[in-house]
PDB file of N, CA and C in Angstrom:
ATOM      1  N   MET A   1       0.085  14.269  -2.006  1.00  0.00           N
ATOM      2  CA  MET A   1      -0.114  13.484  -1.056  1.00  0.00           C
ATOM      3  C   MET A   1       0.850  12.615  -0.722  1.00  0.00           C
ATOM      4  N   LYS A   2       1.804  12.549   0.181  1.00  0.00           N
ATOM      5  CA  LYS A   2       2.716  11.041   0.761  1.00  0.00           C
ATOM      6  C   LYS A   2       2.519  10.602   1.254  1.00  0.00           C
ATOM      7  N   THR A   3       2.738   9.337   0.764  1.00  0.00           N
ATOM      8  CA  THR A   3       2.103   7.788   1.397  1.00  0.00           C
ATOM      9  C   THR A   3       3.409   7.048   1.497  1.00  0.00           C
ATOM     10  N   GLU A   4       3.112   6.287   2.916  1.00  0.00           N
ATOM     11  CA  GLU A   4       4.540   5.816   3.176  1.00  0.00           C
ATOM     12  C   GLU A   4       4.101   4.600   3.295  1.00  0.00           C
ATOM     13  N   MET A   5       4.830   2.773   2.963  1.00  0.00           N
ATOM     14  CA  MET A   5       4.014   1.755   3.178  1.00  0.00           C
ATOM     15  C   MET A   5       5.482   1.197   3.750  1.00  0.00           C
ATOM     16  N   ASN A   6       6.154   0.884   4.560  1.00  0.00           N
ATOM     17  CA  ASN A   6       6.298  -1.178   4.818  1.00  0.00           C
ATOM     18  C   ASN A   6       5.658  -1.561   5.156  1.00  0.00           C
ATOM     19  N   GLN A   7       6.410  -2.997   4.965  1.00  0.00           N
ATOM     20  CA  GLN A   7       6.339  -4.592   4.758  1.00  0.00           C
ATOM     21  C   GLN A   7       6.495  -5.073   6.253  1.00  0.00           C
ATOM     22  N   HIS A   8       5.799  -5.265   6.721  1.00  0.00           N
ATOM     23  CA  HIS A   8       6.834  -6.920   7.931  1.00  0.00           C
ATOM     24  C   HIS A   8       5.326  -7.592   7.975  1.00  0.00           C
ATOM     25  N   GLY A   9       6.049  -9.060   6.565  1.00  0.00           N
ATOM     26  CA  GLY A   9       5.491 -10.494   6.775  1.00  0.00           C
ATOM     27  C   GLY A   9       4.695  -9.879   5.488  1.00  0.00           C
ATOM     28  N   THR A  10       3.815 -10.236   6.805  1.00  0.00           N
ATOM     29  CA  THR A  10       2.659 -10.931   5.334  1.00  0.00           C
ATOM     30  C   THR A  10       1.614  -9.060   5.664  1.00  0.00           C
ATOM     31  N   LYS A  11       1.995  -8.429   6.747  1.00  0.00           N
ATOM     32  CA  LYS A  11       1.417  -7.345   6.975  1.00  0.00           C
ATOM     33  C   LYS A  11       2.014  -5.886   6.160  1.00  0.00           C
ATOM     34  N   LEU A  12       0.996  -5.116   5.697  1.00  0.00           N
ATOM     35  CA  LEU A  12       1.168  -3.701   5.305  1.00  0.00           C
ATOM     36  C   LEU A  12       0.260  -2.722   6.191  1.00  0.00           C
ATOM     37  N   GLU A  13       2.092  -1.825   6.627  1.00  0.00           N
ATOM     38  CA  GLU A  13       1.691  -0.553   7.324  1.00  0.00           C
ATOM     39  C   GLU A  13       1.289   0.651   6.143  1.00  0.00           C
ATOM     40  N   ILE A  14       0.506   1.380   6.118  1.00  0.00           N
ATOM     41  CA  ILE A  14       0.787   2.276   5.638  1.00  0.00           C
ATOM     42  C   ILE A  14       0.782   3.831   5.870  1.00  0.00           C
ATOM     43  N   THR A  15       1.361   4.738   5.390  1.00  0.00           N
ATOM     44  CA  THR A  15       0.920   5.963   6.302  1.00  0.00           C
ATOM     45  C   THR A  15       0.090   6.664   5.558  1.00  0.00           C
ATOM     46  N   LEU A  16      -0.593   7.408   5.260  1.00  0.00           N
ATOM     47  CA  LEU A  16      -1.284   8.961   4.608  1.00  0.00           C
ATOM     48  C   LEU A  16      -1.114   9.845   4.820  1.00  0.00           C
ATOM     49  N   GLU A  17      -0.922  10.531   4.568  1.00  0.00           N
ATOM     50  CA  GLU A  17      -0.694  12.275   4.722  1.00  0.00           C
ATOM     51  C   GLU A  17      -1.004  13.363   3.728  1.00  0.00           C
ATOM     52  N   GLY A  18      -1.554  14.472   3.482  1.00  0.00           N
ATOM     53  CA  GLY A  18      -1.902  14.539   2.813  1.00  0.00           C
ATOM     54  C   GLY A  18      -3.758  15.403   1.985  1.00  0.00           C
ATOM     55  N   GLU A  19      -3.841  14.713   0.962  1.00  0.00           N
ATOM     56  CA  GLU A  19      -5.165  14.460   0.347  1.00  0.00           C
ATOM     57  C   GLU A  19      -5.656  13.831  -0.766  1.00  0.00           C
ATOM     58  N   LEU A  20      -6.280  12.626  -0.522  1.00  0.00           N
ATOM     59  CA  LEU A  20      -6.375  10.910  -1.000  1.00  0.00           C
ATOM     60  C   LEU A  20      -7.600  11.445  -2.257  1.00  0.00           C
ATOM     61  N   ASP A  21      -7.008  11.424  -4.250  1.00  0.00           N
ATOM     62  CA  ASP A  21      -8.289  12.038  -4.182  1.00  0.00           C
ATOM     63  C   ASP A  21      -7.806  12.208  -5.698  1.00  0.00           C
ATOM     64  N   THR A  22      -8.466  12.381  -6.848  1.00  0.00           N
ATOM     65  CA  THR A  22      -8.254  11.566  -7.848  1.00  0.00           C
ATOM     66  C   THR A  22      -6.478  11.754  -8.407  1.00  0.00           C
ATOM     67  N   ARG A  23      -5.939  12.689  -8.315  1.00  0.00           N
ATOM     68  CA  ARG A  23      -4.692  12.736  -8.446  1.00  0.00           C
ATOM     69  C   ARG A  23      -4.227  11.245  -7.833  1.00  0.00           C
ATOM     70  N   SER A  24      -4.396  12.128  -6.322  1.00  0.00           N
ATOM     71  CA  SER A  24      -3.066  10.997  -5.627  1.00  0.00           C
ATOM     72  C   SER A  24      -3.687   9.210  -5.407  1.00  0.00           C
ATOM     73  N   ALA A  25      -5.248   8.984  -5.807  1.00  0.00           N
ATOM     74  CA  ALA A  25      -5.042   7.205  -5.686  1.00  0.00           C
ATOM     75  C   ALA A  25      -4.857   6.363  -6.764  1.00  0.00           C
ATOM     76  N   PRO A  26      -4.831   6.764  -7.614  1.00  0.00           N
ATOM     77  CA  PRO A  26      -3.758   6.266  -8.774  1.00  0.00           C
ATOM     78  C   PRO A  26      -2.206   5.892  -8.628  1.00  0.00           C
ATOM     79  N   GLU A  27      -2.379   6.494  -7.589  1.00  0.00           N
ATOM     80  CA  GLU A  27      -0.167   6.117  -7.191  1.00  0.00           C
ATOM     81  C   GLU A  27      -0.384   5.372  -5.700  1.00  0.00           C
ATOM     82  N   LEU A  28      -1.351   5.649  -4.948  1.00  0.00           N
ATOM     83  CA  LEU A  28      -1.909   4.560  -3.968  1.00  0.00           C
ATOM     84  C   LEU A  28      -1.974   2.874  -4.314  1.00  0.00           C
ATOM     85  N   ASP A  29      -2.870   2.956  -5.362  1.00  0.00           N
ATOM     86  CA  ASP A  29      -3.700   1.804  -5.864  1.00  0.00           C
ATOM     87  C   ASP A  29      -2.697   1.056  -7.059  1.00  0.00           C
ATOM     88  N   SER A  30      -1.469   1.687  -7.370  1.00  0.00           N
ATOM     89  CA  SER A  30      -0.225   1.244  -8.248  1.00  0.00           C
ATOM     90  C   SER A  30       0.956   0.215  -6.794  1.00  0.00           C
ATOM     91  N   LYS A  31       0.808   1.075  -5.795  1.00  0.00           N
ATOM     92  CA  LYS A  31       2.197   0.751  -4.758  1.00  0.00           C
ATOM     93  C   LYS A  31       0.785  -0.955  -4.447  1.00  0.00           C
ATOM     94  N   PHE A  32      -0.326  -0.272  -3.580  1.00  0.00           N
ATOM     95  CA  PHE A  32      -0.622  -1.635  -3.648  1.00  0.00           C
ATOM     96  C   PHE A  32      -0.908  -2.804  -4.209  1.00  0.00           C
ATOM     97  N   GLN A  33      -1.049  -2.115  -5.192  1.00  0.00           N
ATOM     98  CA  GLN A  33      -1.025  -3.862  -6.484  1.00  0.00           C
ATOM     99  C   GLN A  33       0.786  -4.942  -6.434  1.00  0.00           C
ATOM    100  N   ASP A  34       1.444  -3.785  -6.423  1.00  0.00           N
ATOM    101  CA  ASP A  34       2.666  -4.503  -6.664  1.00  0.00           C
ATOM    102  C   ASP A  34       2.930  -5.295  -5.502  1.00  0.00           C
ATOM    103  N   VAL A  35       2.316  -4.927  -4.528  1.00  0.00           N
ATOM    104  CA  VAL A  35       2.516  -5.680  -2.754  1.00  0.00           C
ATOM    105  C   VAL A  35       1.316  -6.661  -2.293  1.00  0.00           C
ATOM    106  N   LYS A  36       0.590  -6.253  -2.952  1.00  0.00           N
ATOM    107  CA  LYS A  36      -0.703  -7.362  -2.270  1.00  0.00           C
ATOM    108  C   LYS A  36      -1.153  -9.034  -2.676  1.00  0.00           C
ATOM    109  N   ALA A  37      -0.121  -8.915  -3.596  1.00  0.00           N
ATOM    110  CA  ALA A  37       0.125 -10.535  -2.971  1.00  0.00           C
ATOM    111  C   ALA A  37       0.540 -11.742  -2.300  1.00  0.00           C
ATOM    112  N   SER A  38       1.156 -10.610  -1.216  1.00  0.00           N
ATOM    113  CA  SER A  38       2.251 -11.080  -0.675  1.00  0.00           C
ATOM    114  C   SER A  38       1.947 -10.807   1.116  1.00  0.00           C
ATOM    115  N   ILE A  39       0.258  -9.709   0.621  1.00  0.00           N
ATOM    116  CA  ILE A  39      -0.065  -9.772   2.496  1.00  0.00           C
ATOM    117  C   ILE A  39      -1.749  -9.908   2.804  1.00  0.00           C
ATOM    118  N   SER A  40      -1.557 -10.218   3.873  1.00  0.00           N
ATOM    119  CA  SER A  40      -3.318 -10.578   4.088  1.00  0.00           C
ATOM    120  C   SER A  40      -4.134  -9.589   5.215  1.00  0.00           C
ATOM    121  N   GLU A  41      -2.922  -8.120   5.830  1.00  0.00           N
ATOM    122  CA  GLU A  41      -3.636  -7.644   7.219  1.00  0.00           C
ATOM    123  C   GLU A  41      -2.654  -6.218   6.600  1.00  0.00           C
ATOM    124  N   ILE A  42      -3.691  -5.343   6.436  1.00  0.00           N
ATOM    125  CA  ILE A  42      -3.323  -4.092   6.200  1.00  0.00           C
ATOM    126  C   ILE A  42      -3.859  -2.719   7.238  1.00  0.00           C
ATOM    127  N   ASP A  43      -2.893  -2.286   7.737  1.00  0.00           N
ATOM    128  CA  ASP A  43      -3.145  -1.193   8.581  1.00  0.00           C
ATOM    129  C   ASP A  43      -3.238   0.133   8.175  1.00  0.00           C
ATOM    130  N   ILE A  44      -3.894   1.158   7.691  1.00  0.00           N
ATOM    131  CA  ILE A  44      -3.503   2.011   7.389  1.00  0.00           C
ATOM    132  C   ILE A  44      -3.883   3.254   8.502  1.00  0.00           C
ATOM    133  N   TYR A  45      -2.999   4.183   8.481  1.00  0.00           N
ATOM    134  CA  TYR A  45      -2.967   5.726   9.311  1.00  0.00           C
ATOM    135  C   TYR A  45      -3.070   6.998   8.226  1.00  0.00           C
ATOM    136  N   MET A  46      -4.396   7.527   9.147  1.00  0.00           N
ATOM    137  CA  MET A  46      -5.060   8.531   8.679  1.00  0.00           C
ATOM    138  C   MET A  46      -4.897   9.482   9.691  1.00  0.00           C
ATOM    139  N   ASP A  47      -4.114   9.431  10.177  1.00  0.00           N
ATOM    140  CA  ASP A  47      -4.081  10.843  11.004  1.00  0.00           C
ATOM    141  C   ASP A  47      -3.278  12.681  10.823  1.00  0.00           C
ATOM    142  N   ARG A  48      -2.991  12.190   9.508  1.00  0.00           N
ATOM    143  CA  ARG A  48      -1.990  12.927   8.827  1.00  0.00           C
ATOM    144  C   ARG A  48      -3.418  12.790   7.359  1.00  0.00           C
ATOM    145  N   LEU A  49      -4.074  12.855   6.888  1.00  0.00           N
ATOM    146  CA  LEU A  49      -5.099  12.604   5.805  1.00  0.00           C
ATOM    147  C   LEU A  49      -6.067  14.189   6.262  1.00  0.00           C
ATOM    148  N   THR A  50      -5.883  14.665   5.625  1.00  0.00           N
ATOM    149  CA  THR A  50      -7.144  15.271   5.054  1.00  0.00           C
ATOM    150  C   THR A  50      -8.136  15.905   4.684  1.00  0.00           C
ATOM    151  N   TYR A  51      -8.172  14.997   3.954  1.00  0.00           N
ATOM    152  CA  TYR A  51      -9.106  15.507   2.646  1.00  0.00           C
ATOM    153  C   TYR A  51      -9.104  13.721   1.918  1.00  0.00           C
ATOM    154  N   ILE A  52     -10.827  13.807   1.590  1.00  0.00           N
ATOM    155  CA  ILE A  52     -10.379  12.140   0.874  1.00  0.00           C
ATOM    156  C   ILE A  52     -11.866  12.516  -0.365  1.00  0.00           C
ATOM    157  N   THR A  53     -11.569  11.851  -1.763  1.00  0.00           N
ATOM    158  CA  THR A  53     -12.989  11.962  -2.712  1.00  0.00           C
ATOM    159  C   THR A  53     -13.397  10.754  -2.738  1.00  0.00           C
ATOM    160  N   SER A  54     -14.228  10.641  -3.794  1.00  0.00           N
ATOM    161  CA  SER A  54     -14.834   9.465  -3.833  1.00  0.00           C
ATOM    162  C   SER A  54     -13.485   8.079  -4.760  1.00  0.00           C
ATOM    163  N   ALA A  55     -12.481   9.038  -5.079  1.00  0.00           N
ATOM    164  CA  ALA A  55     -11.577   8.461  -6.221  1.00  0.00           C
ATOM    165  C   ALA A  55     -10.921   7.624  -5.083  1.00  0.00           C
ATOM    166  N   GLY A  56     -10.637   8.331  -3.554  1.00  0.00           N
ATOM    167  CA  GLY A  56     -10.085   7.671  -2.371  1.00  0.00           C
ATOM    168  C   GLY A  56     -10.526   6.709  -1.914  1.00  0.00           C
ATOM    169  N   LEU A  57     -11.961   6.235  -1.608  1.00  0.00           N
ATOM    170  CA  LEU A  57     -13.048   5.938  -1.105  1.00  0.00           C
ATOM    171  C   LEU A  57     -12.981   4.907  -2.306  1.00  0.00           C
ATOM    172  N   ARG A  58     -12.959   4.416  -3.757  1.00  0.00           N
ATOM    173  CA  ARG A  58     -12.224   3.418  -4.270  1.00  0.00           C
ATOM    174  C   ARG A  58     -11.580   2.489  -4.219  1.00  0.00           C
ATOM    175  N   ILE A  59     -10.062   3.161  -3.667  1.00  0.00           N
ATOM    176  CA  ILE A  59      -9.414   2.348  -3.338  1.00  0.00           C
ATOM    177  C   ILE A  59      -9.224   1.546  -2.273  1.00  0.00           C
ATOM    178  N   LEU A  60      -9.648   2.970  -1.100  1.00  0.00           N
ATOM    179  CA  LEU A  60     -10.020   1.993   0.024  1.00  0.00           C
ATOM    180  C   LEU A  60     -11.205  -0.074  -0.028  1.00  0.00           C
ATOM    181  N   LEU A  61     -12.191   0.964  -0.495  1.00  0.00           N
ATOM    182  CA  LEU A  61     -13.430  -0.103  -0.803  1.00  0.00           C
ATOM    183  C   LEU A  61     -12.450  -1.676  -1.856  1.00  0.00           C
ATOM    184  N   SER A  62     -11.462  -1.801  -2.236  1.00  0.00           N
ATOM    185  CA  SER A  62     -10.709  -2.060  -3.526  1.00  0.00           C
ATOM    186  C   SER A  62      -9.959  -3.143  -2.655  1.00  0.00           C
ATOM    187  N   MET A  63      -9.457  -2.568  -1.389  1.00  0.00           N
ATOM    188  CA  MET A  63      -8.559  -2.933  -0.656  1.00  0.00           C
ATOM    189  C   MET A  63      -9.394  -4.378   0.102  1.00  0.00           C
ATOM    190  N   GLU A  64     -10.293  -3.293   1.232  1.00  0.00           N
ATOM    191  CA  GLU A  64     -10.499  -3.761   1.318  1.00  0.00           C
ATOM    192  C   GLU A  64     -11.666  -5.481   1.013  1.00  0.00           C
ATOM    193  N   GLN A  65     -12.088  -5.085  -0.669  1.00  0.00           N
ATOM    194  CA  GLN A  65     -12.510  -7.068  -0.903  1.00  0.00           C
ATOM    195  C   GLN A  65     -11.230  -7.075  -0.943  1.00  0.00           C
ATOM    196  N   GLU A  66     -10.199  -6.815  -1.437  1.00  0.00           N
ATOM    197  CA  GLU A  66      -8.745  -8.696  -1.740  1.00  0.00           C
ATOM    198  C   GLU A  66      -8.252  -8.525   0.210  1.00  0.00           C
ATOM    199  N   MET A  67      -8.816  -7.735   0.681  1.00  0.00           N
ATOM    200  CA  MET A  67      -8.580  -8.779   2.177  1.00  0.00           C
ATOM    201  C   MET A  67      -9.658  -9.224   2.773  1.00  0.00           C
ATOM    202  N   GLU A  68     -10.825  -9.354   2.425  1.00  0.00           N
ATOM    203  CA  GLU A  68     -11.552 -10.181   2.292  1.00  0.00           C
ATOM    204  C   GLU A  68     -11.736 -11.529   2.260  1.00  0.00           C
ATOM    205  N   GLU A  69     -11.383 -11.296   0.486  1.00  0.00           N
ATOM    206  CA  GLU A  69     -11.328 -12.675  -0.006  1.00  0.00           C
ATOM    207  C   GLU A  69     -10.377 -13.551   0.332  1.00  0.00           C
ATOM    208  N   LYS A  70      -8.908 -12.876   1.203  1.00  0.00           N
ATOM    209  CA  LYS A  70      -8.381 -13.450   1.722  1.00  0.00           C
ATOM    210  C   LYS A  70      -8.437 -13.778   2.936  1.00  0.00           C
ATOM    211  N   ASN A  71      -9.434 -14.111   3.498  1.00  0.00           N
ATOM    212  CA  ASN A  71      -9.792 -13.687   4.840  1.00  0.00           C
ATOM    213  C   ASN A  71      -8.758 -12.827   5.760  1.00  0.00           C
ATOM    214  N   GLY A  72      -8.516 -11.890   5.450  1.00  0.00           N
ATOM    215  CA  GLY A  72      -7.794 -10.907   6.008  1.00  0.00           C
ATOM    216  C   GLY A  72      -8.307 -10.070   6.826  1.00  0.00           C
ATOM    217  N   SER A  73      -7.940  -8.264   7.199  1.00  0.00           N
ATOM    218  CA  SER A  73      -7.901  -7.211   7.144  1.00  0.00           C
ATOM    219  C   SER A  73      -7.856  -6.215   6.922  1.00  0.00           C
ATOM    220  N   LEU A  74      -8.431  -5.631   6.839  1.00  0.00           N
ATOM    221  CA  LEU A  74      -7.627  -3.541   6.515  1.00  0.00           C
ATOM    222  C   LEU A  74      -8.741  -2.713   7.756  1.00  0.00           C
ATOM    223  N   THR A  75      -7.962  -2.445   8.664  1.00  0.00           N
ATOM    224  CA  THR A  75      -7.945  -1.858   9.455  1.00  0.00           C
ATOM    225  C   THR A  75      -7.140  -0.256   8.891  1.00  0.00           C
ATOM    226  N   LEU A  76      -7.887   1.165   9.646  1.00  0.00           N
ATOM    227  CA  LEU A  76      -7.708   1.959   9.757  1.00  0.00           C
ATOM    228  C   LEU A  76      -8.029   2.738  10.380  1.00  0.00           C
ATOM    229  N   HIS A  77      -6.837   3.794  11.150  1.00  0.00           N
ATOM    230  CA  HIS A  77      -6.298   4.583  12.504  1.00  0.00           C
ATOM    231  C   HIS A  77      -6.328   6.146  12.438  1.00  0.00           C
ATOM    232  N   GLY A  78      -6.943   6.571  12.737  1.00  0.00           N
ATOM    233  CA  GLY A  78      -6.645   8.060  13.145  1.00  0.00           C
ATOM    234  C   GLY A  78      -7.694   8.695  12.702  1.00  0.00           C
ATOM    235  N   VAL A  79      -8.507   7.979  12.040  1.00  0.00           N
ATOM    236  CA  VAL A  79      -9.153   8.387  10.993  1.00  0.00           C
ATOM    237  C   VAL A  79      -9.852  10.278  11.653  1.00  0.00           C
ATOM    238  N   ASN A  80      -9.696  11.329  11.469  1.00  0.00           N
ATOM    239  CA  ASN A  80     -10.069  12.336  11.861  1.00  0.00           C
ATOM    240  C   ASN A  80     -11.758  12.581  11.798  1.00  0.00           C
ATOM    241  N   ASP A  81     -12.390  13.888  12.348  1.00  0.00           N
ATOM    242  CA  ASP A  81     -14.368  14.167  12.590  1.00  0.00           C
ATOM    243  C   ASP A  81     -14.760  14.414  10.718  1.00  0.00           C
ATOM    244  N   ASP A  82     -13.529  14.753  10.099  1.00  0.00           N
ATOM    245  CA  ASP A  82     -14.324  15.197   9.059  1.00  0.00           C
ATOM    246  C   ASP A  82     -13.897  14.092   8.110  1.00  0.00           C
ATOM    247  N   ILE A  83     -12.676  13.365   7.904  1.00  0.00           N
ATOM    248  CA  ILE A  83     -13.338  12.060   7.200  1.00  0.00           C
ATOM    249  C   ILE A  83     -14.551  11.561   7.752  1.00  0.00           C
ATOM    250  N   MET A  84     -14.354  10.931   9.328  1.00  0.00           N
ATOM    251  CA  MET A  84     -15.271  10.181   9.973  1.00  0.00           C
ATOM    252  C   MET A  84     -16.457  10.788   9.266  1.00  0.00           C
ATOM    253  N   GLU A  85     -17.215  11.623   9.287  1.00  0.00           N
ATOM    254  CA  GLU A  85     -18.045  12.378   8.733  1.00  0.00           C
ATOM    255  C   GLU A  85     -18.178  11.684   7.126  1.00  0.00           C
ATOM    256  N   ILE A  86     -17.152  12.258   6.185  1.00  0.00           N
ATOM    257  CA  ILE A  86     -17.077  11.202   4.706  1.00  0.00           C
ATOM    258  C   ILE A  86     -17.824   9.696   4.887  1.00  0.00           C
ATOM    259  N   PHE A  87     -16.855   8.993   5.486  1.00  0.00           N
ATOM    260  CA  PHE A  87     -17.277   7.715   5.842  1.00  0.00           C
ATOM    261  C   PHE A  87     -18.653   7.086   6.719  1.00  0.00           C
ATOM    262  N   GLU A  88     -19.198   8.219   7.386  1.00  0.00           N
ATOM    263  CA  GLU A  88     -20.717   8.104   7.954  1.00  0.00           C
ATOM    264  C   GLU A  88     -21.638   8.027   6.416  1.00  0.00           C
ATOM    265  N   ILE A  89     -21.490   9.196   5.875  1.00  0.00           N
ATOM    266  CA  ILE A  89     -22.453   9.802   4.903  1.00  0.00           C
ATOM    267  C   ILE A  89     -22.552   9.016   4.008  1.00  0.00           C
ATOM    268  N   THR A  90     -21.479   8.091   3.853  1.00  0.00           N
ATOM    269  CA  THR A  90     -21.631   7.402   2.677  1.00  0.00           C
ATOM    270  C   THR A  90     -21.378   5.741   3.200  1.00  0.00           C
ATOM    271  N   GLY A  91     -21.822   5.676   4.057  1.00  0.00           N
ATOM    272  CA  GLY A  91     -22.014   4.410   4.877  1.00  0.00           C
ATOM    273  C   GLY A  91     -20.651   3.181   4.792  1.00  0.00           C
ATOM    274  N   PHE A  92     -19.843   3.743   5.027  1.00  0.00           N
ATOM    275  CA  PHE A  92     -18.426   3.343   4.617  1.00  0.00           C
ATOM    276  C   PHE A  92     -17.721   3.164   6.391  1.00  0.00           C
ATOM    277  N   ASP A  93     -17.780   3.408   7.201  1.00  0.00           N
ATOM    278  CA  ASP A  93     -18.509   3.491   8.248  1.00  0.00           C
ATOM    279  C   ASP A  93     -18.666   1.860   8.822  1.00  0.00           C
ATOM    280  N   SER A  94     -19.565   1.915   8.176  1.00  0.00           N
ATOM    281  CA  SER A  94     -20.244   0.599   8.943  1.00  0.00           C
ATOM    282  C   SER A  94     -19.642  -1.450   7.777  1.00  0.00           C
ATOM    283  N   ILE A  95     -18.380  -0.414   6.108  1.00  0.00           N
ATOM    284  CA  ILE A  95     -17.583  -1.403   6.114  1.00  0.00           C
ATOM    285  C   ILE A  95     -16.478  -1.765   5.771  1.00  0.00           C
ATOM    286  N   LEU A  96     -16.228  -0.167   6.786  1.00  0.00           N
ATOM    287  CA  LEU A  96     -14.109  -1.049   7.292  1.00  0.00           C
ATOM    288  C   LEU A  96     -14.643  -0.617   8.633  1.00  0.00           C
ATOM    289  N   GLU A  97     -13.119  -1.705   9.065  1.00  0.00           N
ATOM    290  CA  GLU A  97     -13.127  -1.363  10.204  1.00  0.00           C
ATOM    291  C   GLU A  97     -12.102  -0.549  10.808  1.00  0.00           C
ATOM    292  N   ILE A  98     -12.801   1.048  11.909  1.00  0.00           N
ATOM    293  CA  ILE A  98     -12.162   2.048  12.178  1.00  0.00           C
ATOM    294  C   ILE A  98     -11.628   2.147  12.905  1.00  0.00           C
ATOM    295  N   VAL A  99     -11.051   2.275  14.102  1.00  0.00           N
ATOM    296  CA  VAL A  99     -10.060   1.777  15.113  1.00  0.00           C
ATOM    297  C   VAL A  99      -9.846   3.451  15.728  1.00  0.00           C
TER     298      VAL A  99
END
């Protein structure tokens, strides 16, 4: 998976490309842990994400919880139909803000 992260003040923009799975989820989590203290808003662009596993879902949930504790926000952009189906089956569509 390819991950691009850009921080603008307290806003973090993440672009994901490829598969967010058991191999790539720890890398995303590590990058997030490095910057989480200084951010309160996350925008994740998923239009090039092709697959997500439970490991990827756990990372997204963890990020959402971190932002909720700070009264911040996490927003997912460009979720394709296949990923949306996974969110709907797991109930993540009611937990995460998806636009």
